[in-house]
Amino acid sequence: MLQKCCRLLLVNIACAVIFTSTVFAGPFNIDMSFTPSFSSFLSETQQSVFTQAENYWENVISGYQAGIEIGSLSIMVDYSPVDGEYNRLGWGGPTNMEYQGGLALATEGIMTFDSADFERLYIEGRLLDVVIHEMAHVIGFGTLWKLNDLYVNGSYQYTGAAALAAYQAAYDASATWVPVENDGGAGTEGAHWEEDIFGNELMTGWLDLTNPVGSVTLGSFVDIGYVLNSVPAPSAFLLLGVGLLGLTGRRRKA
């Protein structure tokens, strides 16, 4: 059995869809803090991994769409025993939200990492992938789909317009929905892209050797109310490696 992920690298990924917006309501900002026990455990270099993840999403997402004014997204970070080594690596999601501009958006959230895996992931250079993945769930990927009428429980069909357009351009021009994971149990199925189709994409439910962020994932953030920084095609992307409203997590792949 192999747990697969990667270090932070720069690569060229051809994006089939360019996301643009002429209306910008306000900047996107993450305000991250750590529980006292986790803060005392973390080394400076380990804490810098979380800063890199925060910077990544603040560079990808420039702000909110028209009609949305949220000061910042507050994220509390902790670690605790979950299920032993090599299974569930962490989980994250929003704990509070606001309805603005006809959309549900996260204003507070939590991320928790399995203490049995944390040190090993860091030593192997794999922690960043997991942190960026969980932070995406706090921002709303997979956790706010249903509240924004983008996904119906048990359908395994995501219908958001921006992500669907990206999926049609990159995978299947005739598709009427984006395939959502139907396996992996609670916290995995229904909240990630389908592994059998998307393979090593960052927002599938399993960690791979390389985990690029694709145009379909970016489209999903547009669907839930965010404005993205300019995404040219082709573009240099960073290779990357559940809250009270819905928690979802990242697992190993067997």
Protein backbone atom coordinates (compact mmCIF):
# COMPACT_ATOMS: atom_id res chain seq x y z
CA MET A 1 0.00 0.00 0.00
CA LEU A 2 1.27 3.41 -0.90
CA GLN A 3 0.33 6.82 0.35
CA LYS A 4 1.00 9.18 -2.52
CA CYS A 5 1.67 12.91 -2.53
CA CYS A 6 4.27 15.51 -3.47
CA ARG A 7 6.40 18.48 -2.50
CA LEU A 8 5.77 22.05 -3.63
CA LEU A 9 6.84 22.42 -7.25
CA LEU A 10 6.14 24.71 -10.17
CA VAL A 11 4.79 23.09 -13.32
CA ASN A 12 2.96 24.16 -16.45
CA ILE A 13 -0.63 22.98 -16.65
CA ALA A 14 -2.77 23.83 -19.66
CA CYS A 15 -6.09 25.23 -18.50
CA ALA A 16 -8.92 24.90 -20.95
CA VAL A 17 -11.02 27.64 -19.36
CA ILE A 18 -10.07 31.17 -18.34
CA PHE A 19 -12.11 32.53 -15.45
CA THR A 20 -12.67 36.27 -15.51
CA SER A 21 -14.88 38.67 -13.62
CA THR A 22 -15.63 42.34 -14.22
CA VAL A 23 -17.24 42.80 -10.80
CA PHE A 24 -15.19 42.66 -7.62
CA ALA A 25 -16.77 43.20 -4.19
CA GLY A 26 -13.83 42.89 -1.82
CA PRO A 27 -10.53 41.09 -1.17
CA PHE A 28 -10.25 37.53 0.09
CA ASN A 29 -8.29 37.14 3.31
CA ILE A 30 -7.59 34.19 5.60
CA ASP A 31 -6.98 34.80 9.30
CA MET A 32 -5.42 31.61 10.66
CA SER A 33 -4.69 30.69 14.29
CA PHE A 34 -3.66 27.60 16.21
CA THR A 35 -4.94 26.04 19.40
CA PRO A 36 -2.51 26.53 22.31
CA SER A 37 -1.56 22.84 22.40
CA PHE A 38 -0.89 22.70 18.67
CA SER A 39 0.98 26.01 18.69
CA SER A 40 3.35 24.76 21.40
CA PHE A 41 3.94 21.57 19.41
CA LEU A 42 4.72 23.21 16.06
CA SER A 43 8.23 24.17 15.06
CA GLU A 44 8.76 27.38 13.09
CA THR A 45 9.35 25.45 9.89
CA GLN A 46 6.21 23.37 10.42
CA GLN A 47 4.19 26.51 11.02
CA SER A 48 5.58 27.96 7.78
CA VAL A 49 3.84 25.14 5.90
CA PHE A 50 0.50 26.55 7.04
CA THR A 51 1.58 30.03 6.01
CA GLN A 52 2.44 28.70 2.54
CA ALA A 53 -1.01 27.13 2.27
CA GLU A 54 -2.68 30.37 3.34
CA ASN A 55 -0.63 32.35 0.82
CA TYR A 56 -1.50 29.87 -1.91
CA TRP A 57 -5.27 30.33 -1.59
CA GLU A 58 -4.98 34.09 -1.08
CA ASN A 59 -3.09 34.23 -4.39
CA VAL A 60 -5.54 31.98 -6.23
CA ILE A 61 -8.66 33.72 -4.90
CA SER A 62 -8.55 37.49 -5.26
CA GLY A 63 -11.89 38.30 -3.65
CA TYR A 64 -15.65 37.92 -3.57
CA GLN A 65 -18.25 38.46 -6.25
CA ALA A 66 -20.70 41.36 -6.33
CA GLY A 67 -23.04 41.62 -3.37
CA ILE A 68 -20.65 39.85 -0.98
CA GLU A 69 -18.73 41.67 1.74
CA ILE A 70 -16.90 39.41 4.15
CA GLY A 71 -13.98 40.80 6.11
CA SER A 72 -11.97 37.61 6.45
CA LEU A 73 -12.21 33.86 6.81
CA SER A 74 -11.03 32.80 10.28
CA ILE A 75 -9.55 29.30 10.50
CA MET A 76 -8.63 27.51 13.74
CA VAL A 77 -6.06 24.72 13.38
CA ASP A 78 -5.56 21.76 15.71
CA TYR A 79 -4.30 18.19 15.76
CA SER A 80 -5.56 15.13 17.59
CA PRO A 81 -5.64 11.33 17.33
CA VAL A 82 -8.06 10.31 14.57
CA ASP A 83 -7.61 6.76 13.32
CA GLY A 84 -3.94 5.83 13.47
CA GLU A 85 -1.36 6.05 10.70
CA TYR A 86 -2.00 5.91 6.97
CA ASN A 87 -5.75 6.35 6.87
CA ARG A 88 -7.51 9.67 7.40
CA LEU A 89 -4.85 12.37 7.36
CA GLY A 90 -6.99 15.34 8.32
CA TRP A 91 -10.36 17.00 8.00
CA GLY A 92 -11.68 20.52 7.65
CA GLY A 93 -14.76 22.58 6.99
CA PRO A 94 -16.65 25.76 7.83
CA THR A 95 -18.12 26.24 11.29
CA ASN A 96 -19.95 29.49 10.52
CA MET A 97 -21.21 31.15 7.38
CA GLU A 98 -23.21 34.06 6.01
CA TYR A 99 -25.70 34.29 3.17
CA GLN A 100 -24.72 37.17 0.91
CA GLY A 101 -25.37 37.80 -2.74
CA GLY A 102 -27.63 34.77 -2.82
CA LEU A 103 -24.81 32.45 -1.75
CA ALA A 104 -23.65 30.71 1.43
CA LEU A 105 -20.05 31.61 2.23
CA ALA A 106 -17.75 30.53 5.03
CA THR A 107 -16.71 33.10 7.64
CA GLU A 108 -15.14 30.70 10.18
CA GLY A 109 -13.78 27.18 10.00
CA ILE A 110 -11.56 24.52 11.49
CA MET A 111 -8.85 22.14 10.30
CA THR A 112 -7.69 19.16 12.34
CA PHE A 113 -4.80 16.87 11.43
CA ASP A 114 -4.25 13.34 12.65
CA SER A 115 -1.45 13.39 15.22
CA ALA A 116 -0.47 9.86 14.12
CA ASP A 117 0.36 11.11 10.62
CA PHE A 118 1.41 14.73 11.14
CA GLU A 119 5.13 14.37 11.90
CA ARG A 120 5.66 11.77 9.19
CA LEU A 121 3.90 13.90 6.58
CA TYR A 122 6.10 16.83 7.49
CA ILE A 123 9.36 14.84 7.41
CA GLU A 124 8.46 13.35 4.03
CA GLY A 125 7.65 16.79 2.61
CA ARG A 126 3.99 15.88 2.17
CA LEU A 127 2.25 18.04 4.73
CA LEU A 128 1.68 21.04 2.47
CA ASP A 129 -0.50 19.04 0.07
CA VAL A 130 -2.79 17.98 2.90
CA VAL A 131 -3.02 21.46 4.44
CA ILE A 132 -3.95 23.12 1.15
CA HIS A 133 -6.54 20.41 0.51
CA GLU A 134 -8.18 20.84 3.91
CA MET A 135 -8.09 24.61 3.64
CA ALA A 136 -10.03 24.31 0.36
CA HIS A 137 -12.78 22.48 2.28
CA VAL A 138 -12.91 25.28 4.84
CA ILE A 139 -13.25 27.81 2.01
CA GLY A 140 -16.21 25.80 0.78
CA PHE A 141 -15.11 23.12 -1.67
CA GLY A 142 -17.39 20.12 -1.10
CA THR A 143 -18.73 21.52 2.17
CA LEU A 144 -20.92 24.32 0.80
CA TRP A 145 -22.02 22.73 -2.46
CA LYS A 146 -25.40 21.60 -1.19
CA LEU A 147 -26.22 24.91 0.51
CA ASN A 148 -25.49 26.67 -2.78
CA ASP A 149 -27.64 24.29 -4.83
CA LEU A 150 -24.68 22.89 -6.72
CA TYR A 151 -25.03 19.30 -5.54
CA VAL A 152 -27.88 17.04 -4.39
CA ASN A 153 -27.03 14.49 -1.70
CA GLY A 154 -26.52 11.04 -3.14
CA SER A 155 -26.61 12.17 -6.76
CA TYR A 156 -22.81 12.31 -7.20
CA GLN A 157 -23.47 14.99 -9.81
CA TYR A 158 -22.09 18.52 -9.43
CA THR A 159 -23.95 21.04 -11.57
CA GLY A 160 -22.25 24.41 -10.97
CA ALA A 161 -21.89 26.31 -14.24
CA ALA A 162 -18.23 27.36 -14.05
CA ALA A 163 -16.87 23.97 -12.97
CA LEU A 164 -19.10 22.20 -15.49
CA ALA A 165 -17.81 24.41 -18.31
CA ALA A 166 -14.24 23.58 -17.31
CA TYR A 167 -15.09 19.87 -17.16
CA GLN A 168 -16.70 20.00 -20.60
CA ALA A 169 -13.61 21.70 -22.02
CA ALA A 170 -11.10 19.36 -20.40
CA TYR A 171 -12.90 16.00 -20.17
CA ASP A 172 -16.28 15.59 -21.86
CA ALA A 173 -17.87 18.18 -24.12
CA SER A 174 -21.31 16.56 -23.82
CA ALA A 175 -21.35 16.31 -20.01
CA THR A 176 -24.28 17.81 -18.10
CA TRP A 177 -22.67 17.40 -14.66
CA VAL A 178 -19.26 16.87 -13.04
CA PRO A 179 -18.70 13.41 -11.48
CA VAL A 180 -18.43 13.49 -7.68
CA GLU A 181 -16.78 10.74 -5.62
CA ASN A 182 -19.19 7.91 -4.78
CA ASP A 183 -16.79 5.86 -2.66
CA GLY A 184 -14.70 6.21 0.49
CA GLY A 185 -17.42 6.62 3.11
CA ALA A 186 -18.44 9.65 5.13
CA GLY A 187 -16.16 12.64 4.66
CA THR A 188 -14.89 11.41 1.30
CA GLU A 189 -17.83 10.52 -0.91
CA GLY A 190 -20.03 13.37 -2.01
CA ALA A 191 -17.39 16.03 -1.26
CA HIS A 192 -14.56 15.39 -3.75
CA TRP A 193 -14.14 14.85 -7.46
CA GLU A 194 -14.38 11.27 -8.68
CA GLU A 195 -10.96 9.66 -8.30
CA ASP A 196 -11.47 7.26 -11.21
CA ILE A 197 -11.86 10.22 -13.59
CA PHE A 198 -9.77 13.00 -12.08
CA GLY A 199 -6.89 10.80 -10.95
CA ASN A 200 -4.31 12.83 -9.04
CA GLU A 201 -6.19 16.16 -9.01
CA LEU A 202 -5.80 17.94 -5.67
CA MET A 203 -9.45 17.76 -4.72
CA THR A 204 -10.05 14.05 -5.10
CA GLY A 205 -10.38 12.15 -1.82
CA TRP A 206 -6.96 10.50 -1.91
CA LEU A 207 -3.41 11.82 -1.82
CA ASP A 208 -1.18 11.08 -4.82
CA LEU A 209 2.46 11.49 -5.77
CA THR A 210 1.59 14.75 -7.54
CA ASN A 211 -1.58 16.73 -6.89
CA PRO A 212 -2.19 19.56 -9.40
CA VAL A 213 -5.01 22.02 -9.05
CA GLY A 214 -7.12 21.80 -12.20
CA SER A 215 -9.51 24.15 -13.94
CA VAL A 216 -12.59 22.25 -12.68
CA THR A 217 -11.59 22.85 -9.08
CA LEU A 218 -11.01 26.52 -9.81
CA GLY A 219 -14.42 26.69 -11.44
CA SER A 220 -16.06 25.36 -8.30
CA PHE A 221 -14.73 28.31 -6.31
CA VAL A 222 -16.27 30.64 -8.88
CA ASP A 223 -19.57 28.79 -8.46
CA ILE A 224 -19.61 29.43 -4.71
CA GLY A 225 -18.99 33.16 -4.92
CA TYR A 226 -15.28 33.85 -5.31
CA VAL A 227 -13.34 35.86 -7.87
CA LEU A 228 -10.09 34.30 -9.04
CA ASN A 229 -6.88 35.97 -10.03
CA SER A 230 -6.25 35.83 -13.77
CA VAL A 231 -5.72 32.24 -14.90
CA PRO A 232 -4.04 32.19 -18.33
CA ALA A 233 -3.88 29.09 -20.51
CA PRO A 234 -1.39 27.53 -20.31
CA SER A 235 -0.50 28.63 -16.78
CA ALA A 236 2.12 27.92 -14.15
CA PHE A 237 0.35 26.40 -11.18
CA LEU A 238 1.69 25.26 -7.85
CA LEU A 239 1.64 21.51 -7.57
CA LEU A 240 0.22 20.68 -4.20
CA GLY A 241 1.55 17.79 -2.75
CA VAL A 242 -15.49 18.47 8.52
CA GLY A 243 -16.67 22.17 10.59
CA LEU A 244 -20.16 22.06 11.90
CA LEU A 245 -21.64 22.69 8.49
CA GLY A 246 -19.93 19.64 7.02
CA LEU A 247 -16.51 18.09 7.52
CA THR A 248 -14.53 16.37 4.83
CA GLY A 249 -11.03 15.01 4.75
CA ARG A 250 -8.07 13.63 2.87
CA ARG A 251 -7.13 9.94 2.96
CA ARG A 252 -4.33 7.75 1.78
CA LYS A 253 -4.71 5.65 -1.34
CA ALA A 254 -4.35 1.88 -1.07
